[in-house]
PDB file of N, CA and C in Angstrom:
ATOM      1  N   MET A   1       0.699   4.462 -14.274  1.00  0.00           N
ATOM      2  CA  MET A   1       1.246   3.160 -13.986  1.00  0.00           C
ATOM      3  C   MET A   1       0.154   2.127 -14.196  1.00  0.00           C
ATOM      4  N   VAL A   2       0.495   1.040 -14.810  1.00  0.00           N
ATOM      5  CA  VAL A   2      -0.425  -0.075 -14.988  1.00  0.00           C
ATOM      6  C   VAL A   2       0.216  -1.298 -14.343  1.00  0.00           C
ATOM      7  N   LEU A   3      -0.557  -2.002 -13.559  1.00  0.00           N
ATOM      8  CA  LEU A   3      -0.081  -3.211 -12.903  1.00  0.00           C
ATOM      9  C   LEU A   3      -0.926  -4.362 -13.397  1.00  0.00           C
ATOM     10  N   THR A   4      -0.292  -5.327 -14.055  1.00  0.00           N
ATOM     11  CA  THR A   4      -1.026  -6.492 -14.526  1.00  0.00           C
ATOM     12  C   THR A   4      -0.399  -7.742 -13.945  1.00  0.00           C
ATOM     13  N   GLN A   5      -1.210  -8.758 -13.798  1.00  0.00           N
ATOM     14  CA  GLN A   5      -0.713  -9.982 -13.198  1.00  0.00           C
ATOM     15  C   GLN A   5      -0.167 -10.943 -14.248  1.00  0.00           C
ATOM     16  N   ASP A   6      -0.956 -11.273 -15.248  1.00  0.00           N
ATOM     17  CA  ASP A   6      -0.505 -12.201 -16.286  1.00  0.00           C
ATOM     18  C   ASP A   6      -1.578 -12.309 -17.364  1.00  0.00           C
ATOM     19  N   ASP A   7      -1.523 -13.383 -18.137  1.00  0.00           N
ATOM     20  CA  ASP A   7      -2.498 -13.559 -19.218  1.00  0.00           C
ATOM     21  C   ASP A   7      -3.726 -14.349 -18.776  1.00  0.00           C
ATOM     22  N   PHE A   8      -3.897 -14.597 -17.496  1.00  0.00           N
ATOM     23  CA  PHE A   8      -5.050 -15.267 -16.891  1.00  0.00           C
ATOM     24  C   PHE A   8      -5.207 -16.732 -17.285  1.00  0.00           C
ATOM     25  N   LYS A   9      -4.113 -17.394 -17.698  1.00  0.00           N
ATOM     26  CA  LYS A   9      -4.201 -18.819 -18.006  1.00  0.00           C
ATOM     27  C   LYS A   9      -4.600 -19.632 -16.775  1.00  0.00           C
ATOM     28  N   LYS A  10      -4.327 -19.096 -15.583  1.00  0.00           N
ATOM     29  CA  LYS A  10      -4.701 -19.784 -14.342  1.00  0.00           C
ATOM     30  C   LYS A  10      -6.059 -19.317 -13.832  1.00  0.00           C
ATOM     31  N   GLY A  11      -6.761 -18.489 -14.609  1.00  0.00           N
ATOM     32  CA  GLY A  11      -8.093 -18.026 -14.237  1.00  0.00           C
ATOM     33  C   GLY A  11      -8.114 -16.565 -13.853  1.00  0.00           C
ATOM     34  N   ARG A  12      -9.240 -15.935 -14.062  1.00  0.00           N
ATOM     35  CA  ARG A  12      -9.384 -14.517 -13.747  1.00  0.00           C
ATOM     36  C   ARG A  12      -9.858 -14.277 -12.320  1.00  0.00           C
ATOM     37  N   ASP A  13     -10.397 -15.287 -11.673  1.00  0.00           N
ATOM     38  CA  ASP A  13     -11.007 -15.087 -10.364  1.00  0.00           C
ATOM     39  C   ASP A  13     -10.121 -15.532  -9.194  1.00  0.00           C
ATOM     40  N   ARG A  14      -8.866 -15.813  -9.444  1.00  0.00           N
ATOM     41  CA  ARG A  14      -7.993 -16.250  -8.354  1.00  0.00           C
ATOM     42  C   ARG A  14      -7.514 -15.053  -7.530  1.00  0.00           C
ATOM     43  N   VAL A  15      -6.977 -15.343  -6.363  1.00  0.00           N
ATOM     44  CA  VAL A  15      -6.491 -14.299  -5.469  1.00  0.00           C
ATOM     45  C   VAL A  15      -5.346 -13.556  -6.137  1.00  0.00           C
ATOM     46  N   LYS A  16      -5.400 -12.243  -6.097  1.00  0.00           N
ATOM     47  CA  LYS A  16      -4.361 -11.411  -6.708  1.00  0.00           C
ATOM     48  C   LYS A  16      -3.478 -10.820  -5.619  1.00  0.00           C
ATOM     49  N   GLY A  17      -2.327 -10.352  -6.004  1.00  0.00           N
ATOM     50  CA  GLY A  17      -1.461  -9.631  -5.080  1.00  0.00           C
ATOM     51  C   GLY A  17      -0.531 -10.474  -4.242  1.00  0.00           C
ATOM     52  N   ILE A  18      -0.621 -11.776  -4.324  1.00  0.00           N
ATOM     53  CA  ILE A  18       0.236 -12.625  -3.504  1.00  0.00           C
ATOM     54  C   ILE A  18       1.683 -12.469  -3.943  1.00  0.00           C
ATOM     55  N   GLY A  19       2.548 -12.177  -2.997  1.00  0.00           N
ATOM     56  CA  GLY A  19       3.968 -12.042  -3.286  1.00  0.00           C
ATOM     57  C   GLY A  19       4.367 -10.692  -3.845  1.00  0.00           C
ATOM     58  N   VAL A  20       3.446  -9.714  -3.828  1.00  0.00           N
ATOM     59  CA  VAL A  20       3.744  -8.397  -4.376  1.00  0.00           C
ATOM     60  C   VAL A  20       3.485  -7.332  -3.317  1.00  0.00           C
ATOM     61  N   ARG A  21       4.431  -6.451  -3.120  1.00  0.00           N
ATOM     62  CA  ARG A  21       4.224  -5.261  -2.285  1.00  0.00           C
ATOM     63  C   ARG A  21       4.802  -4.087  -3.047  1.00  0.00           C
ATOM     64  N   LEU A  22       4.011  -3.051  -3.203  1.00  0.00           N
ATOM     65  CA  LEU A  22       4.456  -1.826  -3.851  1.00  0.00           C
ATOM     66  C   LEU A  22       4.846  -0.827  -2.774  1.00  0.00           C
ATOM     67  N   TRP A  23       5.993  -0.193  -2.943  1.00  0.00           N
ATOM     68  CA  TRP A  23       6.462   0.842  -2.013  1.00  0.00           C
ATOM     69  C   TRP A  23       6.426   2.175  -2.723  1.00  0.00           C
ATOM     70  N   PHE A  24       5.806   3.152  -2.080  1.00  0.00           N
ATOM     71  CA  PHE A  24       5.773   4.514  -2.586  1.00  0.00           C
ATOM     72  C   PHE A  24       6.456   5.409  -1.564  1.00  0.00           C
ATOM     73  N   TYR A  25       7.455   6.135  -2.018  1.00  0.00           N
ATOM     74  CA  TYR A  25       8.185   7.069  -1.168  1.00  0.00           C
ATOM     75  C   TYR A  25       7.669   8.465  -1.472  1.00  0.00           C
ATOM     76  N   THR A  26       7.392   9.244  -0.423  1.00  0.00           N
ATOM     77  CA  THR A  26       6.778  10.539  -0.611  1.00  0.00           C
ATOM     78  C   THR A  26       7.412  11.598   0.276  1.00  0.00           C
ATOM     79  N   ALA A  27       7.293  12.836  -0.137  1.00  0.00           N
ATOM     80  CA  ALA A  27       7.716  13.972   0.680  1.00  0.00           C
ATOM     81  C   ALA A  27       6.507  14.592   1.374  1.00  0.00           C
ATOM     82  N   GLN A  28       5.312  14.062   1.092  1.00  0.00           N
ATOM     83  CA  GLN A  28       4.075  14.581   1.674  1.00  0.00           C
ATOM     84  C   GLN A  28       4.000  14.280   3.172  1.00  0.00           C
ATOM     85  N   ASP A  29       3.082  14.971   3.839  1.00  0.00           N
ATOM     86  CA  ASP A  29       2.772  14.683   5.238  1.00  0.00           C
ATOM     87  C   ASP A  29       2.154  13.285   5.297  1.00  0.00           C
ATOM     88  N   LEU A  30       2.896  12.320   5.823  1.00  0.00           N
ATOM     89  CA  LEU A  30       2.458  10.930   5.797  1.00  0.00           C
ATOM     90  C   LEU A  30       1.210  10.709   6.646  1.00  0.00           C
ATOM     91  N   ASP A  31       1.141  11.351   7.801  1.00  0.00           N
ATOM     92  CA  ASP A  31      -0.033  11.188   8.653  1.00  0.00           C
ATOM     93  C   ASP A  31      -1.276  11.781   7.976  1.00  0.00           C
ATOM     94  N   GLY A  32      -1.105  12.908   7.301  1.00  0.00           N
ATOM     95  CA  GLY A  32      -2.210  13.503   6.566  1.00  0.00           C
ATOM     96  C   GLY A  32      -2.662  12.615   5.424  1.00  0.00           C
ATOM     97  N   LEU A  33      -1.710  12.003   4.729  1.00  0.00           N
ATOM     98  CA  LEU A  33      -2.030  11.095   3.638  1.00  0.00           C
ATOM     99  C   LEU A  33      -2.805   9.887   4.162  1.00  0.00           C
ATOM    100  N   ALA A  34      -2.366   9.325   5.285  1.00  0.00           N
ATOM    101  CA  ALA A  34      -3.067   8.191   5.899  1.00  0.00           C
ATOM    102  C   ALA A  34      -4.469   8.605   6.334  1.00  0.00           C
ATOM    103  N   ALA A  35      -4.609   9.792   6.900  1.00  0.00           N
ATOM    104  CA  ALA A  35      -5.920  10.274   7.343  1.00  0.00           C
ATOM    105  C   ALA A  35      -6.871  10.441   6.157  1.00  0.00           C
ATOM    106  N   ARG A  36      -6.360  10.952   5.033  1.00  0.00           N
ATOM    107  CA  ARG A  36      -7.202  11.097   3.837  1.00  0.00           C
ATOM    108  C   ARG A  36      -7.620   9.730   3.298  1.00  0.00           C
ATOM    109  N   ALA A  37      -6.709   8.772   3.336  1.00  0.00           N
ATOM    110  CA  ALA A  37      -7.044   7.420   2.888  1.00  0.00           C
ATOM    111  C   ALA A  37      -8.161   6.839   3.759  1.00  0.00           C
ATOM    112  N   LYS A  38      -8.016   6.964   5.074  1.00  0.00           N
ATOM    113  CA  LYS A  38      -9.032   6.442   5.988  1.00  0.00           C
ATOM    114  C   LYS A  38     -10.364   7.166   5.814  1.00  0.00           C
ATOM    115  N   ALA A  39     -10.327   8.478   5.599  1.00  0.00           N
ATOM    116  CA  ALA A  39     -11.550   9.248   5.413  1.00  0.00           C
ATOM    117  C   ALA A  39     -12.304   8.816   4.155  1.00  0.00           C
ATOM    118  N   SER A  40     -11.575   8.265   3.183  1.00  0.00           N
ATOM    119  CA  SER A  40     -12.225   7.806   1.952  1.00  0.00           C
ATOM    120  C   SER A  40     -12.697   6.348   2.066  1.00  0.00           C
ATOM    121  N   GLY A  41     -12.525   5.751   3.256  1.00  0.00           N
ATOM    122  CA  GLY A  41     -13.027   4.392   3.477  1.00  0.00           C
ATOM    123  C   GLY A  41     -11.991   3.296   3.407  1.00  0.00           C
ATOM    124  N   ILE A  42     -10.739   3.637   3.181  1.00  0.00           N
ATOM    125  CA  ILE A  42      -9.678   2.637   3.115  1.00  0.00           C
ATOM    126  C   ILE A  42      -9.291   2.207   4.531  1.00  0.00           C
ATOM    127  N   VAL A  43      -9.182   0.914   4.734  1.00  0.00           N
ATOM    128  CA  VAL A  43      -8.752   0.375   6.022  1.00  0.00           C
ATOM    129  C   VAL A  43      -7.245   0.154   5.957  1.00  0.00           C
ATOM    130  N   LEU A  44      -6.517   0.728   6.896  1.00  0.00           N
ATOM    131  CA  LEU A  44      -5.064   0.573   6.916  1.00  0.00           C
ATOM    132  C   LEU A  44      -4.694  -0.755   7.556  1.00  0.00           C
ATOM    133  N   ASP A  45      -3.700  -1.433   6.989  1.00  0.00           N
ATOM    134  CA  ASP A  45      -3.143  -2.640   7.608  1.00  0.00           C
ATOM    135  C   ASP A  45      -2.234  -2.255   8.767  1.00  0.00           C
ATOM    136  N   GLN A  46      -1.591  -1.115   8.640  1.00  0.00           N
ATOM    137  CA  GLN A  46      -0.721  -0.593   9.702  1.00  0.00           C
ATOM    138  C   GLN A  46      -0.859   0.918   9.731  1.00  0.00           C
ATOM    139  N   GLU A  47      -1.163   1.454  10.885  1.00  0.00           N
ATOM    140  CA  GLU A  47      -1.240   2.900  11.073  1.00  0.00           C
ATOM    141  C   GLU A  47       0.159   3.507  10.896  1.00  0.00           C
ATOM    142  N   PRO A  48       0.246   4.804  10.642  1.00  0.00           N
ATOM    143  CA  PRO A  48       1.564   5.428  10.529  1.00  0.00           C
ATOM    144  C   PRO A  48       2.411   5.168  11.778  1.00  0.00           C
ATOM    145  N   ALA A  49       3.650   4.781  11.542  1.00  0.00           N
ATOM    146  CA  ALA A  49       4.553   4.452  12.643  1.00  0.00           C
ATOM    147  C   ALA A  49       5.988   4.764  12.240  1.00  0.00           C
ATOM    148  N   ASP A  50       6.783   5.155  13.226  1.00  0.00           N
ATOM    149  CA  ASP A  50       8.206   5.396  12.997  1.00  0.00           C
ATOM    150  C   ASP A  50       8.949   4.064  13.008  1.00  0.00           C
ATOM    151  N   MET A  51       9.819   3.880  12.036  1.00  0.00           N
ATOM    152  CA  MET A  51      10.608   2.657  11.931  1.00  0.00           C
ATOM    153  C   MET A  51      12.008   2.900  12.504  1.00  0.00           C
ATOM    154  N   PRO A  52      12.682   1.845  12.955  1.00  0.00           N
ATOM    155  CA  PRO A  52      14.019   1.998  13.538  1.00  0.00           C
ATOM    156  C   PRO A  52      15.040   2.609  12.584  1.00  0.00           C
ATOM    157  N   TRP A  53      14.829   2.465  11.272  1.00  0.00           N
ATOM    158  CA  TRP A  53      15.795   2.993  10.298  1.00  0.00           C
ATOM    159  C   TRP A  53      15.514   4.449   9.940  1.00  0.00           C
ATOM    160  N   GLY A  54      14.545   5.084  10.602  1.00  0.00           N
ATOM    161  CA  GLY A  54      14.327   6.504  10.438  1.00  0.00           C
ATOM    162  C   GLY A  54      13.156   6.901   9.567  1.00  0.00           C
ATOM    163  N   ALA A  55      12.530   5.959   8.916  1.00  0.00           N
ATOM    164  CA  ALA A  55      11.378   6.271   8.065  1.00  0.00           C
ATOM    165  C   ALA A  55      10.095   6.216   8.892  1.00  0.00           C
ATOM    166  N   ARG A  56       9.074   6.867   8.387  1.00  0.00           N
ATOM    167  CA  ARG A  56       7.720   6.743   8.922  1.00  0.00           C
ATOM    168  C   ARG A  56       6.901   6.099   7.822  1.00  0.00           C
ATOM    169  N   ILE A  57       6.136   5.051   8.150  1.00  0.00           N
ATOM    170  CA  ILE A  57       5.403   4.305   7.129  1.00  0.00           C
ATOM    171  C   ILE A  57       3.974   4.006   7.567  1.00  0.00           C
ATOM    172  N   PHE A  58       3.120   3.737   6.571  1.00  0.00           N
ATOM    173  CA  PHE A  58       1.843   3.074   6.820  1.00  0.00           C
ATOM    174  C   PHE A  58       1.592   2.125   5.666  1.00  0.00           C
ATOM    175  N   MET A  59       0.723   1.137   5.915  1.00  0.00           N
ATOM    176  CA  MET A  59       0.494   0.090   4.924  1.00  0.00           C
ATOM    177  C   MET A  59      -1.002  -0.147   4.742  1.00  0.00           C
ATOM    178  N   LEU A  60      -1.348  -0.598   3.530  1.00  0.00           N
ATOM    179  CA  LEU A  60      -2.733  -0.952   3.235  1.00  0.00           C
ATOM    180  C   LEU A  60      -2.759  -2.053   2.187  1.00  0.00           C
ATOM    181  N   THR A  61      -3.945  -2.624   1.997  1.00  0.00           N
ATOM    182  CA  THR A  61      -4.166  -3.602   0.940  1.00  0.00           C
ATOM    183  C   THR A  61      -5.228  -3.031   0.015  1.00  0.00           C
ATOM    184  N   ASP A  62      -4.929  -2.954  -1.287  1.00  0.00           N
ATOM    185  CA  ASP A  62      -5.902  -2.380  -2.215  1.00  0.00           C
ATOM    186  C   ASP A  62      -7.018  -3.393  -2.482  1.00  0.00           C
ATOM    187  N   PRO A  63      -8.111  -2.966  -3.127  1.00  0.00           N
ATOM    188  CA  PRO A  63      -9.247  -3.866  -3.342  1.00  0.00           C
ATOM    189  C   PRO A  63      -8.920  -5.139  -4.119  1.00  0.00           C
ATOM    190  N   ASP A  64      -7.848  -5.129  -4.918  1.00  0.00           N
ATOM    191  CA  ASP A  64      -7.449  -6.334  -5.650  1.00  0.00           C
ATOM    192  C   ASP A  64      -6.536  -7.240  -4.847  1.00  0.00           C
ATOM    193  N   GLY A  65      -6.165  -6.835  -3.627  1.00  0.00           N
ATOM    194  CA  GLY A  65      -5.322  -7.662  -2.778  1.00  0.00           C
ATOM    195  C   GLY A  65      -3.852  -7.306  -2.803  1.00  0.00           C
ATOM    196  N   PHE A  66      -3.465  -6.270  -3.548  1.00  0.00           N
ATOM    197  CA  PHE A  66      -2.065  -5.874  -3.591  1.00  0.00           C
ATOM    198  C   PHE A  66      -1.694  -5.101  -2.333  1.00  0.00           C
ATOM    199  N   LYS A  67      -0.571  -5.427  -1.755  1.00  0.00           N
ATOM    200  CA  LYS A  67      -0.069  -4.753  -0.564  1.00  0.00           C
ATOM    201  C   LYS A  67       0.667  -3.497  -0.987  1.00  0.00           C
ATOM    202  N   ILE A  68       0.356  -2.389  -0.317  1.00  0.00           N
ATOM    203  CA  ILE A  68       0.974  -1.104  -0.659  1.00  0.00           C
ATOM    204  C   ILE A  68       1.505  -0.456   0.608  1.00  0.00           C
ATOM    205  N   SER A  69       2.741   0.009   0.558  1.00  0.00           N
ATOM    206  CA  SER A  69       3.362   0.711   1.680  1.00  0.00           C
ATOM    207  C   SER A  69       3.727   2.121   1.237  1.00  0.00           C
ATOM    208  N   PHE A  70       3.505   3.067   2.123  1.00  0.00           N
ATOM    209  CA  PHE A  70       3.877   4.455   1.896  1.00  0.00           C
ATOM    210  C   PHE A  70       4.929   4.818   2.918  1.00  0.00           C
ATOM    211  N   SER A  71       5.990   5.472   2.481  1.00  0.00           N
ATOM    212  CA  SER A  71       7.115   5.764   3.355  1.00  0.00           C
ATOM    213  C   SER A  71       7.591   7.185   3.167  1.00  0.00           C
ATOM    214  N   LYS A  72       7.978   7.803   4.280  1.00  0.00           N
ATOM    215  CA  LYS A  72       8.605   9.124   4.253  1.00  0.00           C
ATOM    216  C   LYS A  72       9.828   9.055   5.138  1.00  0.00           C
ATOM    217  N   GLU A  73      10.964   9.412   4.560  1.00  0.00           N
ATOM    218  CA  GLU A  73      12.209   9.463   5.350  1.00  0.00           C
ATOM    219  C   GLU A  73      12.180  10.674   6.250  1.00  0.00           C
ATOM    220  N   SER A  74      12.715  10.512   7.444  1.00  0.00           N
ATOM    221  CA  SER A  74      12.736  11.660   8.359  1.00  0.00           C
ATOM    222  C   SER A  74      13.995  12.476   8.213  1.00  0.00           C
TER     223      SER A  74
END
């Protein structure tokens, strides 16, 4: 997967990721995935938590500023 913002007519050094959130749905152990992310130095925006609609999720912001959510349905 490649994620690009644009042709940089507004500059290459501006804040990226505004208005974008990527959702990844997984069958993996979500808590284990979050623990591996944290062990590699990633700071989570939200620790794994159960949502009212039945999913378990955690969230982070990548180094470029893109918001990423990981979800596992229960």
